[in-house]
Amino acid sequence: MFDDPSGLLLLLSSAEYLAGGSAHSWDAGDFPGMEMRGGELIVEGEATRPCANMKDGSCVILGTVHDMIPTFEKTERKMLSEWKISADVYKGYVANRGKGTLMIRNSGAK
């Protein structure tokens, strides 16, 4: 973990139990953003089963997601101008009435 003068927390792990602020991670592995209660998680690389039990907050995955938790609902596809990418937007974790937002870079497939 590294402190950045901008106030952004840079992580080499998966930001489990994030409750506020921002976290930035690379190749987050299995279950990044697990139990998120708020804040923003940005994953530059790969992730597997992101944001399990997410209650609130947002997660942007700019790399590849290898497997998804089935309790997210895909709501739309939109342009994320900050990263100049198209992303699929999911709401959830619907099994727990979560209100989080998960955005995953779109591969171009429909």
PDB file of N, CA and C in Angstrom:
ATOM      1  N   MET A   1       0.846  -1.156   0.000  1.00  0.00           N
ATOM      2  CA  MET A   1       0.000   0.000   0.000  1.00  0.00           C
ATOM      3  C   MET A   1       0.898   1.228   0.000  1.00  0.00           C
ATOM      4  N   PHE A   2       0.519   2.224  -0.797  1.00  0.00           N
ATOM      5  CA  PHE A   2       1.304   3.437  -0.918  1.00  0.00           C
ATOM      6  C   PHE A   2       0.405   4.640  -0.703  1.00  0.00           C
ATOM      7  N   ASP A   3       0.910   5.652  -0.018  1.00  0.00           N
ATOM      8  CA  ASP A   3       0.155   6.888   0.128  1.00  0.00           C
ATOM      9  C   ASP A   3       0.484   7.801  -1.035  1.00  0.00           C
ATOM     10  N   ASP A   4      -0.557   8.397  -1.574  1.00  0.00           N
ATOM     11  CA  ASP A   4      -0.429   9.315  -2.696  1.00  0.00           C
ATOM     12  C   ASP A   4      -0.853  10.690  -2.198  1.00  0.00           C
ATOM     13  N   PRO A   5      -0.110  11.744  -2.510  1.00  0.00           N
ATOM     14  CA  PRO A   5      -0.470  13.071  -2.020  1.00  0.00           C
ATOM     15  C   PRO A   5      -1.861  13.534  -2.461  1.00  0.00           C
ATOM     16  N   SER A   6      -2.435  12.922  -3.499  1.00  0.00           N
ATOM     17  CA  SER A   6      -3.763  13.320  -3.957  1.00  0.00           C
ATOM     18  C   SER A   6      -4.856  12.819  -3.025  1.00  0.00           C
ATOM     19  N   GLY A   7      -4.493  11.977  -2.068  1.00  0.00           N
ATOM     20  CA  GLY A   7      -5.487  11.415  -1.164  1.00  0.00           C
ATOM     21  C   GLY A   7      -6.012  10.072  -1.641  1.00  0.00           C
ATOM     22  N   LEU A   8      -5.563   9.606  -2.797  1.00  0.00           N
ATOM     23  CA  LEU A   8      -5.979   8.319  -3.337  1.00  0.00           C
ATOM     24  C   LEU A   8      -5.138   7.230  -2.690  1.00  0.00           C
ATOM     25  N   LEU A   9      -5.775   6.187  -2.245  1.00  0.00           N
ATOM     26  CA  LEU A   9      -5.075   5.068  -1.641  1.00  0.00           C
ATOM     27  C   LEU A   9      -4.700   4.084  -2.745  1.00  0.00           C
ATOM     28  N   LEU A  10      -3.433   3.784  -2.902  1.00  0.00           N
ATOM     29  CA  LEU A  10      -2.979   2.841  -3.925  1.00  0.00           C
ATOM     30  C   LEU A  10      -2.752   1.489  -3.270  1.00  0.00           C
ATOM     31  N   LEU A  11      -3.391   0.474  -3.797  1.00  0.00           N
ATOM     32  CA  LEU A  11      -3.332  -0.851  -3.198  1.00  0.00           C
ATOM     33  C   LEU A  11      -2.742  -1.872  -4.155  1.00  0.00           C
ATOM     34  N   LEU A  12      -2.105  -2.844  -3.580  1.00  0.00           N
ATOM     35  CA  LEU A  12      -1.654  -3.988  -4.363  1.00  0.00           C
ATOM     36  C   LEU A  12      -2.539  -5.195  -4.072  1.00  0.00           C
ATOM     37  N   SER A  13      -3.514  -5.031  -3.198  1.00  0.00           N
ATOM     38  CA  SER A  13      -4.450  -6.108  -2.884  1.00  0.00           C
ATOM     39  C   SER A  13      -5.820  -5.748  -3.435  1.00  0.00           C
ATOM     40  N   SER A  14      -6.888  -6.241  -2.799  1.00  0.00           N
ATOM     41  CA  SER A  14      -8.198  -6.117  -3.429  1.00  0.00           C
ATOM     42  C   SER A  14      -9.185  -5.205  -2.703  1.00  0.00           C
ATOM     43  N   ALA A  15      -8.779  -4.378  -1.786  1.00  0.00           N
ATOM     44  CA  ALA A  15      -9.628  -3.380  -1.132  1.00  0.00           C
ATOM     45  C   ALA A  15     -10.876  -3.980  -0.505  1.00  0.00           C
ATOM     46  N   GLU A  16     -10.713  -5.051   0.234  1.00  0.00           N
ATOM     47  CA  GLU A  16     -11.860  -5.641   0.918  1.00  0.00           C
ATOM     48  C   GLU A  16     -12.319  -4.708   2.027  1.00  0.00           C
ATOM     49  N   TYR A  17     -13.616  -4.657   2.233  1.00  0.00           N
ATOM     50  CA  TYR A  17     -14.236  -3.872   3.301  1.00  0.00           C
ATOM     51  C   TYR A  17     -14.040  -2.369   3.133  1.00  0.00           C
ATOM     52  N   LEU A  18     -13.976  -1.880   1.924  1.00  0.00           N
ATOM     53  CA  LEU A  18     -13.854  -0.450   1.652  1.00  0.00           C
ATOM     54  C   LEU A  18     -15.149   0.242   2.071  1.00  0.00           C
ATOM     55  N   ALA A  19     -15.030   1.292   2.891  1.00  0.00           N
ATOM     56  CA  ALA A  19     -16.219   1.977   3.398  1.00  0.00           C
ATOM     57  C   ALA A  19     -16.282   3.441   2.985  1.00  0.00           C
ATOM     58  N   GLY A  20     -15.236   3.960   2.365  1.00  0.00           N
ATOM     59  CA  GLY A  20     -15.229   5.341   1.932  1.00  0.00           C
ATOM     60  C   GLY A  20     -13.912   5.672   1.273  1.00  0.00           C
ATOM     61  N   GLY A  21     -13.827   6.826   0.650  1.00  0.00           N
ATOM     62  CA  GLY A  21     -12.597   7.231  -0.016  1.00  0.00           C
ATOM     63  C   GLY A  21     -12.412   6.505  -1.334  1.00  0.00           C
ATOM     64  N   SER A  22     -11.190   6.505  -1.828  1.00  0.00           N
ATOM     65  CA  SER A  22     -10.861   5.873  -3.097  1.00  0.00           C
ATOM     66  C   SER A  22      -9.715   4.901  -2.925  1.00  0.00           C
ATOM     67  N   ALA A  23      -9.753   3.825  -3.672  1.00  0.00           N
ATOM     68  CA  ALA A  23      -8.667   2.845  -3.690  1.00  0.00           C
ATOM     69  C   ALA A  23      -8.400   2.474  -5.138  1.00  0.00           C
ATOM     70  N   HIS A  24      -7.127   2.293  -5.476  1.00  0.00           N
ATOM     71  CA  HIS A  24      -6.703   1.985  -6.837  1.00  0.00           C
ATOM     72  C   HIS A  24      -5.863   0.713  -6.762  1.00  0.00           C
ATOM     73  N   SER A  25      -6.187  -0.273  -7.597  1.00  0.00           N
ATOM     74  CA  SER A  25      -5.514  -1.566  -7.522  1.00  0.00           C
ATOM     75  C   SER A  25      -5.173  -2.058  -8.924  1.00  0.00           C
ATOM     76  N   TRP A  26      -4.187  -2.914  -9.001  1.00  0.00           N
ATOM     77  CA  TRP A  26      -3.809  -3.589 -10.247  1.00  0.00           C
ATOM     78  C   TRP A  26      -3.976  -5.076 -10.033  1.00  0.00           C
ATOM     79  N   ASP A  27      -4.455  -5.787 -11.071  1.00  0.00           N
ATOM     80  CA  ASP A  27      -4.644  -7.238 -11.001  1.00  0.00           C
ATOM     81  C   ASP A  27      -5.094  -7.659  -9.605  1.00  0.00           C
ATOM     82  N   ALA A  28      -6.339  -7.404  -9.303  1.00  0.00           N
ATOM     83  CA  ALA A  28      -6.859  -7.530  -7.945  1.00  0.00           C
ATOM     84  C   ALA A  28      -7.119  -8.960  -7.493  1.00  0.00           C
ATOM     85  N   GLY A  29      -7.133  -9.912  -8.391  1.00  0.00           N
ATOM     86  CA  GLY A  29      -7.326 -11.300  -7.980  1.00  0.00           C
ATOM     87  C   GLY A  29      -8.782 -11.630  -7.702  1.00  0.00           C
ATOM     88  N   ASP A  30      -8.993 -12.513  -6.733  1.00  0.00           N
ATOM     89  CA  ASP A  30     -10.317 -13.028  -6.402  1.00  0.00           C
ATOM     90  C   ASP A  30     -11.034 -12.128  -5.394  1.00  0.00           C
ATOM     91  N   PHE A  31     -12.283 -11.825  -5.658  1.00  0.00           N
ATOM     92  CA  PHE A  31     -13.165 -11.043  -4.785  1.00  0.00           C
ATOM     93  C   PHE A  31     -12.686  -9.628  -4.464  1.00  0.00           C
ATOM     94  N   PRO A  32     -12.229  -8.848  -5.425  1.00  0.00           N
ATOM     95  CA  PRO A  32     -11.890  -7.455  -5.098  1.00  0.00           C
ATOM     96  C   PRO A  32     -13.146  -6.690  -4.702  1.00  0.00           C
ATOM     97  N   GLY A  33     -13.027  -5.811  -3.743  1.00  0.00           N
ATOM     98  CA  GLY A  33     -14.156  -5.004  -3.301  1.00  0.00           C
ATOM     99  C   GLY A  33     -15.192  -5.769  -2.504  1.00  0.00           C
ATOM    100  N   MET A  34     -14.802  -6.916  -1.966  1.00  0.00           N
ATOM    101  CA  MET A  34     -15.724  -7.716  -1.172  1.00  0.00           C
ATOM    102  C   MET A  34     -16.198  -6.905   0.038  1.00  0.00           C
ATOM    103  N   GLU A  35     -17.490  -6.963   0.309  1.00  0.00           N
ATOM    104  CA  GLU A  35     -18.092  -6.268   1.460  1.00  0.00           C
ATOM    105  C   GLU A  35     -17.976  -4.744   1.374  1.00  0.00           C
ATOM    106  N   MET A  36     -17.894  -4.187   0.167  1.00  0.00           N
ATOM    107  CA  MET A  36     -17.819  -2.721   0.031  1.00  0.00           C
ATOM    108  C   MET A  36     -19.040  -2.068   0.644  1.00  0.00           C
ATOM    109  N   ARG A  37     -18.816  -1.000   1.406  1.00  0.00           N
ATOM    110  CA  ARG A  37     -19.890  -0.242   2.049  1.00  0.00           C
ATOM    111  C   ARG A  37     -19.951   1.194   1.537  1.00  0.00           C
ATOM    112  N   GLY A  38     -19.036   1.557   0.664  1.00  0.00           N
ATOM    113  CA  GLY A  38     -18.985   2.904   0.120  1.00  0.00           C
ATOM    114  C   GLY A  38     -17.636   3.153  -0.519  1.00  0.00           C
ATOM    115  N   GLY A  39     -17.450   4.340  -1.030  1.00  0.00           N
ATOM    116  CA  GLY A  39     -16.181   4.698  -1.654  1.00  0.00           C
ATOM    117  C   GLY A  39     -16.110   4.245  -3.098  1.00  0.00           C
ATOM    118  N   GLU A  40     -14.906   4.322  -3.654  1.00  0.00           N
ATOM    119  CA  GLU A  40     -14.671   3.972  -5.049  1.00  0.00           C
ATOM    120  C   GLU A  40     -13.438   3.092  -5.155  1.00  0.00           C
ATOM    121  N   LEU A  41     -13.576   1.991  -5.864  1.00  0.00           N
ATOM    122  CA  LEU A  41     -12.467   1.086  -6.144  1.00  0.00           C
ATOM    123  C   LEU A  41     -12.237   1.088  -7.643  1.00  0.00           C
ATOM    124  N   ILE A  42     -10.985   1.298  -8.043  1.00  0.00           N
ATOM    125  CA  ILE A  42     -10.602   1.260  -9.452  1.00  0.00           C
ATOM    126  C   ILE A  42      -9.600   0.130  -9.610  1.00  0.00           C
ATOM    127  N   VAL A  43      -9.919  -0.826 -10.482  1.00  0.00           N
ATOM    128  CA  VAL A  43      -9.032  -1.959 -10.749  1.00  0.00           C
ATOM    129  C   VAL A  43      -8.529  -1.810 -12.170  1.00  0.00           C
ATOM    130  N   GLU A  44      -7.226  -1.618 -12.326  1.00  0.00           N
ATOM    131  CA  GLU A  44      -6.619  -1.421 -13.650  1.00  0.00           C
ATOM    132  C   GLU A  44      -6.484  -2.723 -14.427  1.00  0.00           C
ATOM    133  N   GLY A  45      -6.300  -3.833 -13.719  1.00  0.00           N
ATOM    134  CA  GLY A  45      -6.012  -5.090 -14.401  1.00  0.00           C
ATOM    135  C   GLY A  45      -7.133  -6.099 -14.275  1.00  0.00           C
ATOM    136  N   GLU A  46      -6.772  -7.341 -14.028  1.00  0.00           N
ATOM    137  CA  GLU A  46      -7.704  -8.451 -14.012  1.00  0.00           C
ATOM    138  C   GLU A  46      -8.368  -8.618 -12.641  1.00  0.00           C
ATOM    139  N   ALA A  47      -9.568  -9.205 -12.656  1.00  0.00           N
ATOM    140  CA  ALA A  47     -10.307  -9.486 -11.428  1.00  0.00           C
ATOM    141  C   ALA A  47     -11.187 -10.703 -11.641  1.00  0.00           C
ATOM    142  N   THR A  48     -11.477 -11.400 -10.567  1.00  0.00           N
ATOM    143  CA  THR A  48     -12.374 -12.550 -10.593  1.00  0.00           C
ATOM    144  C   THR A  48     -13.424 -12.362  -9.503  1.00  0.00           C
ATOM    145  N   ARG A  49     -14.684 -12.488  -9.857  1.00  0.00           N
ATOM    146  CA  ARG A  49     -15.814 -12.347  -8.941  1.00  0.00           C
ATOM    147  C   ARG A  49     -15.750 -11.052  -8.118  1.00  0.00           C
ATOM    148  N   PRO A  50     -15.780  -9.902  -8.794  1.00  0.00           N
ATOM    149  CA  PRO A  50     -15.663  -8.631  -8.066  1.00  0.00           C
ATOM    150  C   PRO A  50     -16.907  -8.285  -7.244  1.00  0.00           C
ATOM    151  N   CYS A  51     -16.668  -7.605  -6.132  1.00  0.00           N
ATOM    152  CA  CYS A  51     -17.690  -6.919  -5.320  1.00  0.00           C
ATOM    153  C   CYS A  51     -18.734  -7.822  -4.691  1.00  0.00           C
ATOM    154  N   ALA A  52     -18.322  -8.979  -4.214  1.00  0.00           N
ATOM    155  CA  ALA A  52     -19.255  -9.851  -3.503  1.00  0.00           C
ATOM    156  C   ALA A  52     -19.781  -9.138  -2.263  1.00  0.00           C
ATOM    157  N   ASN A  53     -21.066  -9.237  -2.017  1.00  0.00           N
ATOM    158  CA  ASN A  53     -21.739  -8.618  -0.867  1.00  0.00           C
ATOM    159  C   ASN A  53     -21.623  -7.100  -0.842  1.00  0.00           C
ATOM    160  N   MET A  54     -21.467  -6.484  -1.988  1.00  0.00           N
ATOM    161  CA  MET A  54     -21.366  -5.024  -2.088  1.00  0.00           C
ATOM    162  C   MET A  54     -22.673  -4.378  -1.623  1.00  0.00           C
ATOM    163  N   LYS A  55     -22.579  -3.408  -0.720  1.00  0.00           N
ATOM    164  CA  LYS A  55     -23.756  -2.697  -0.222  1.00  0.00           C
ATOM    165  C   LYS A  55     -23.898  -1.306  -0.844  1.00  0.00           C
ATOM    166  N   ASP A  56     -22.776  -0.648  -1.100  1.00  0.00           N
ATOM    167  CA  ASP A  56     -22.807   0.714  -1.623  1.00  0.00           C
ATOM    168  C   ASP A  56     -21.432   1.018  -2.221  1.00  0.00           C
ATOM    169  N   GLY A  57     -21.328   2.150  -2.882  1.00  0.00           N
ATOM    170  CA  GLY A  57     -20.077   2.557  -3.497  1.00  0.00           C
ATOM    171  C   GLY A  57     -20.046   2.214  -4.972  1.00  0.00           C
ATOM    172  N   SER A  58     -18.872   2.416  -5.585  1.00  0.00           N
ATOM    173  CA  SER A  58     -18.718   2.106  -6.997  1.00  0.00           C
ATOM    174  C   SER A  58     -17.371   1.443  -7.244  1.00  0.00           C
ATOM    175  N   CYS A  59     -17.363   0.579  -8.228  1.00  0.00           N
ATOM    176  CA  CYS A  59     -16.151  -0.129  -8.623  1.00  0.00           C
ATOM    177  C   CYS A  59     -16.054  -0.063 -10.140  1.00  0.00           C
ATOM    178  N   VAL A  60     -14.889   0.351 -10.634  1.00  0.00           N
ATOM    179  CA  VAL A  60     -14.626   0.388 -12.068  1.00  0.00           C
ATOM    180  C   VAL A  60     -13.509  -0.604 -12.355  1.00  0.00           C
ATOM    181  N   ILE A  61     -13.760  -1.532 -13.254  1.00  0.00           N
ATOM    182  CA  ILE A  61     -12.739  -2.497 -13.638  1.00  0.00           C
ATOM    183  C   ILE A  61     -12.359  -2.225 -15.082  1.00  0.00           C
ATOM    184  N   LEU A  62     -11.109  -1.818 -15.266  1.00  0.00           N
ATOM    185  CA  LEU A  62     -10.619  -1.426 -16.585  1.00  0.00           C
ATOM    186  C   LEU A  62     -10.010  -2.596 -17.347  1.00  0.00           C
ATOM    187  N   GLY A  63      -9.776  -3.692 -16.662  1.00  0.00           N
ATOM    188  CA  GLY A  63      -9.191  -4.873 -17.295  1.00  0.00           C
ATOM    189  C   GLY A  63     -10.232  -5.957 -17.521  1.00  0.00           C
ATOM    190  N   THR A  64      -9.803  -7.195 -17.428  1.00  0.00           N
ATOM    191  CA  THR A  64     -10.640  -8.353 -17.699  1.00  0.00           C
ATOM    192  C   THR A  64     -11.264  -8.886 -16.418  1.00  0.00           C
ATOM    193  N   VAL A  65     -12.560  -9.220 -16.481  1.00  0.00           N
ATOM    194  CA  VAL A  65     -13.233  -9.914 -15.383  1.00  0.00           C
ATOM    195  C   VAL A  65     -13.409 -11.356 -15.822  1.00  0.00           C
ATOM    196  N   HIS A  66     -12.831 -12.282 -15.057  1.00  0.00           N
ATOM    197  CA  HIS A  66     -12.847 -13.691 -15.457  1.00  0.00           C
ATOM    198  C   HIS A  66     -14.112 -14.419 -15.040  1.00  0.00           C
ATOM    199  N   ASP A  67     -14.773 -13.965 -13.991  1.00  0.00           N
ATOM    200  CA  ASP A  67     -15.997 -14.602 -13.533  1.00  0.00           C
ATOM    201  C   ASP A  67     -16.793 -13.565 -12.756  1.00  0.00           C
ATOM    202  N   MET A  68     -18.127 -13.592 -12.901  1.00  0.00           N
ATOM    203  CA  MET A  68     -18.994 -12.622 -12.226  1.00  0.00           C
ATOM    204  C   MET A  68     -19.838 -13.314 -11.164  1.00  0.00           C
ATOM    205  N   ILE A  69     -20.149 -12.584 -10.120  1.00  0.00           N
ATOM    206  CA  ILE A  69     -21.123 -13.027  -9.128  1.00  0.00           C
ATOM    207  C   ILE A  69     -22.503 -12.918  -9.818  1.00  0.00           C
ATOM    208  N   PRO A  70     -23.347 -13.929  -9.725  1.00  0.00           N
ATOM    209  CA  PRO A  70     -24.610 -13.903 -10.479  1.00  0.00           C
ATOM    210  C   PRO A  70     -25.668 -12.949  -9.934  1.00  0.00           C
ATOM    211  N   THR A  71     -25.434 -12.293  -8.817  1.00  0.00           N
ATOM    212  CA  THR A  71     -26.476 -11.453  -8.229  1.00  0.00           C
ATOM    213  C   THR A  71     -26.308  -9.968  -8.549  1.00  0.00           C
ATOM    214  N   PHE A  72     -25.687  -9.663  -9.655  1.00  0.00           N
ATOM    215  CA  PHE A  72     -25.650  -8.291 -10.168  1.00  0.00           C
ATOM    216  C   PHE A  72     -26.581  -8.206 -11.366  1.00  0.00           C
ATOM    217  N   GLU A  73     -27.277  -7.096 -11.505  1.00  0.00           N
ATOM    218  CA  GLU A  73     -28.150  -6.869 -12.652  1.00  0.00           C
ATOM    219  C   GLU A  73     -27.496  -5.890 -13.601  1.00  0.00           C
ATOM    220  N   LYS A  74     -27.342  -6.302 -14.858  1.00  0.00           N
ATOM    221  CA  LYS A  74     -26.814  -5.389 -15.864  1.00  0.00           C
ATOM    222  C   LYS A  74     -27.895  -4.377 -16.203  1.00  0.00           C
ATOM    223  N   THR A  75     -27.565  -3.091 -16.071  1.00  0.00           N
ATOM    224  CA  THR A  75     -28.573  -2.054 -16.285  1.00  0.00           C
ATOM    225  C   THR A  75     -28.380  -1.267 -17.564  1.00  0.00           C
ATOM    226  N   GLU A  76     -27.138  -1.078 -17.967  1.00  0.00           N
ATOM    227  CA  GLU A  76     -26.899  -0.267 -19.164  1.00  0.00           C
ATOM    228  C   GLU A  76     -25.449  -0.409 -19.621  1.00  0.00           C
ATOM    229  N   ARG A  77     -25.192   0.185 -20.756  1.00  0.00           N
ATOM    230  CA  ARG A  77     -23.827   0.334 -21.255  1.00  0.00           C
ATOM    231  C   ARG A  77     -23.620   1.826 -21.458  1.00  0.00           C
ATOM    232  N   LYS A  78     -22.546   2.359 -20.900  1.00  0.00           N
ATOM    233  CA  LYS A  78     -22.332   3.794 -21.056  1.00  0.00           C
ATOM    234  C   LYS A  78     -20.868   4.126 -21.241  1.00  0.00           C
ATOM    235  N   MET A  79     -20.633   5.319 -21.720  1.00  0.00           N
ATOM    236  CA  MET A  79     -19.281   5.821 -21.939  1.00  0.00           C
ATOM    237  C   MET A  79     -18.759   6.414 -20.634  1.00  0.00           C
ATOM    238  N   LEU A  80     -17.579   5.990 -20.215  1.00  0.00           N
ATOM    239  CA  LEU A  80     -16.932   6.566 -19.043  1.00  0.00           C
ATOM    240  C   LEU A  80     -15.858   7.517 -19.553  1.00  0.00           C
ATOM    241  N   SER A  81     -16.202   8.784 -19.595  1.00  0.00           N
ATOM    242  CA  SER A  81     -15.335   9.776 -20.237  1.00  0.00           C
ATOM    243  C   SER A  81     -13.990   9.930 -19.528  1.00  0.00           C
ATOM    244  N   GLU A  82     -13.953   9.699 -18.229  1.00  0.00           N
ATOM    245  CA  GLU A  82     -12.695   9.828 -17.493  1.00  0.00           C
ATOM    246  C   GLU A  82     -11.619   8.871 -18.016  1.00  0.00           C
ATOM    247  N   TRP A  83     -12.057   7.671 -18.455  1.00  0.00           N
ATOM    248  CA  TRP A  83     -11.103   6.673 -18.972  1.00  0.00           C
ATOM    249  C   TRP A  83     -11.244   6.473 -20.469  1.00  0.00           C
ATOM    250  N   LYS A  84     -12.194   7.175 -21.089  1.00  0.00           N
ATOM    251  CA  LYS A  84     -12.435   7.067 -22.531  1.00  0.00           C
ATOM    252  C   LYS A  84     -12.718   5.629 -22.955  1.00  0.00           C
ATOM    253  N   ILE A  85     -13.611   4.981 -22.198  1.00  0.00           N
ATOM    254  CA  ILE A  85     -13.998   3.601 -22.500  1.00  0.00           C
ATOM    255  C   ILE A  85     -15.511   3.457 -22.430  1.00  0.00           C
ATOM    256  N   SER A  86     -16.000   2.410 -23.067  1.00  0.00           N
ATOM    257  CA  SER A  86     -17.376   1.988 -22.924  1.00  0.00           C
ATOM    258  C   SER A  86     -17.409   0.923 -21.827  1.00  0.00           C
ATOM    259  N   ALA A  87     -18.409   0.996 -20.941  1.00  0.00           N
ATOM    260  CA  ALA A  87     -18.480   0.040 -19.835  1.00  0.00           C
ATOM    261  C   ALA A  87     -19.889  -0.491 -19.667  1.00  0.00           C
ATOM    262  N   ASP A  88     -19.973  -1.761 -19.277  1.00  0.00           N
ATOM    263  CA  ASP A  88     -21.245  -2.340 -18.875  1.00  0.00           C
ATOM    264  C   ASP A  88     -21.448  -1.976 -17.411  1.00  0.00           C
ATOM    265  N   VAL A  89     -22.640  -1.485 -17.078  1.00  0.00           N
ATOM    266  CA  VAL A  89     -22.937  -1.029 -15.728  1.00  0.00           C
ATOM    267  C   VAL A  89     -23.880  -2.030 -15.069  1.00  0.00           C
ATOM    268  N   TYR A  90     -23.527  -2.446 -13.859  1.00  0.00           N
ATOM    269  CA  TYR A  90     -24.315  -3.404 -13.087  1.00  0.00           C
ATOM    270  C   TYR A  90     -24.711  -2.768 -11.765  1.00  0.00           C
ATOM    271  N   LYS A  91     -25.892  -3.101 -11.290  1.00  0.00           N
ATOM    272  CA  LYS A  91     -26.360  -2.678  -9.970  1.00  0.00           C
ATOM    273  C   LYS A  91     -26.430  -3.901  -9.080  1.00  0.00           C
ATOM    274  N   GLY A  92     -26.181  -3.719  -7.833  1.00  0.00           N
ATOM    275  CA  GLY A  92     -26.274  -4.857  -6.915  1.00  0.00           C
ATOM    276  C   GLY A  92     -25.581  -4.524  -5.627  1.00  0.00           C
ATOM    277  N   TYR A  93     -25.386  -5.424  -5.025  1.00  0.00           N
ATOM    278  CA  TYR A  93     -25.504  -6.860  -4.984  1.00  0.00           C
ATOM    279  C   TYR A  93     -26.957  -7.161  -4.659  1.00  0.00           C
ATOM    280  N   VAL A  94     -27.795  -7.530  -5.628  1.00  0.00           N
ATOM    281  CA  VAL A  94     -29.239  -7.562  -5.455  1.00  0.00           C
ATOM    282  C   VAL A  94     -29.718  -8.588  -4.430  1.00  0.00           C
ATOM    283  N   ALA A  95     -28.957  -9.635  -4.168  1.00  0.00           N
ATOM    284  CA  ALA A  95     -29.360 -10.625  -3.160  1.00  0.00           C
ATOM    285  C   ALA A  95     -29.406 -10.001  -1.767  1.00  0.00           C
ATOM    286  N   ASN A  96     -28.621  -8.965  -1.539  1.00  0.00           N
ATOM    287  CA  ASN A  96     -28.577  -8.284  -0.236  1.00  0.00           C
ATOM    288  C   ASN A  96     -29.147  -6.872  -0.316  1.00  0.00           C
ATOM    289  N   ARG A  97     -29.930  -6.601  -1.359  1.00  0.00           N
ATOM    290  CA  ARG A  97     -30.508  -5.274  -1.584  1.00  0.00           C
ATOM    291  C   ARG A  97     -29.440  -4.184  -1.617  1.00  0.00           C
ATOM    292  N   GLY A  98     -28.296  -4.540  -2.139  1.00  0.00           N
ATOM    293  CA  GLY A  98     -27.209  -3.577  -2.257  1.00  0.00           C
ATOM    294  C   GLY A  98     -27.499  -2.500  -3.273  1.00  0.00           C
ATOM    295  N   LYS A  99     -26.867  -1.372  -3.094  1.00  0.00           N
ATOM    296  CA  LYS A  99     -27.072  -0.244  -3.987  1.00  0.00           C
ATOM    297  C   LYS A  99     -25.766   0.184  -4.664  1.00  0.00           C
ATOM    298  N   GLY A 100     -24.831  -0.725  -4.727  1.00  0.00           N
ATOM    299  CA  GLY A 100     -23.552  -0.409  -5.348  1.00  0.00           C
ATOM    300  C   GLY A 100     -23.626  -0.414  -6.863  1.00  0.00           C
ATOM    301  N   THR A 101     -22.592   0.158  -7.474  1.00  0.00           N
ATOM    302  CA  THR A 101     -22.486   0.202  -8.925  1.00  0.00           C
ATOM    303  C   THR A 101     -21.159  -0.420  -9.341  1.00  0.00           C
ATOM    304  N   LEU A 102     -21.238  -1.390 -10.226  1.00  0.00           N
ATOM    305  CA  LEU A 102     -20.060  -2.065 -10.759  1.00  0.00           C
ATOM    306  C   LEU A 102     -19.995  -1.759 -12.244  1.00  0.00           C
ATOM    307  N   MET A 103     -18.877  -1.188 -12.691  1.00  0.00           N
ATOM    308  CA  MET A 103     -18.702  -0.847 -14.108  1.00  0.00           C
ATOM    309  C   MET A 103     -17.503  -1.623 -14.657  1.00  0.00           C
ATOM    310  N   ILE A 104     -17.736  -2.347 -15.724  1.00  0.00           N
ATOM    311  CA  ILE A 104     -16.687  -3.191 -16.295  1.00  0.00           C
ATOM    312  C   ILE A 104     -16.461  -2.794 -17.743  1.00  0.00           C
ATOM    313  N   ARG A 105     -15.198  -2.559 -18.067  1.00  0.00           N
ATOM    314  CA  ARG A 105     -14.832  -2.192 -19.438  1.00  0.00           C
ATOM    315  C   ARG A 105     -15.455  -3.169 -20.415  1.00  0.00           C
ATOM    316  N   ASN A 106     -16.075  -2.633 -21.436  1.00  0.00           N
ATOM    317  CA  ASN A 106     -16.746  -3.443 -22.433  1.00  0.00           C
ATOM    318  C   ASN A 106     -15.752  -3.949 -23.460  1.00  0.00           C
ATOM    319  N   SER A 107     -15.875  -5.227 -23.791  1.00  0.00           N
ATOM    320  CA  SER A 107     -14.963  -5.832 -24.767  1.00  0.00           C
ATOM    321  C   SER A 107     -15.392  -5.548 -26.193  1.00  0.00           C
ATOM    322  N   GLY A 108     -16.590  -4.999 -26.366  1.00  0.00           N
ATOM    323  CA  GLY A 108     -17.111  -4.755 -27.706  1.00  0.00           C
ATOM    324  C   GLY A 108     -18.158  -5.774 -28.106  1.00  0.00           C
ATOM    325  N   ALA A 109     -18.265  -6.877 -27.365  1.00  0.00           N
ATOM    326  CA  ALA A 109     -19.276  -7.891 -27.659  1.00  0.00           C
ATOM    327  C   ALA A 109     -20.632  -7.420 -27.135  1.00  0.00           C
ATOM    328  N   LYS A 110     -21.696  -7.879 -27.758  1.00  0.00           N
ATOM    329  CA  LYS A 110     -23.049  -7.474 -27.323  1.00  0.00           C
ATOM    330  C   LYS A 110     -23.572  -8.390 -26.275  1.00  0.00           C
TER     331      LYS A 110
END
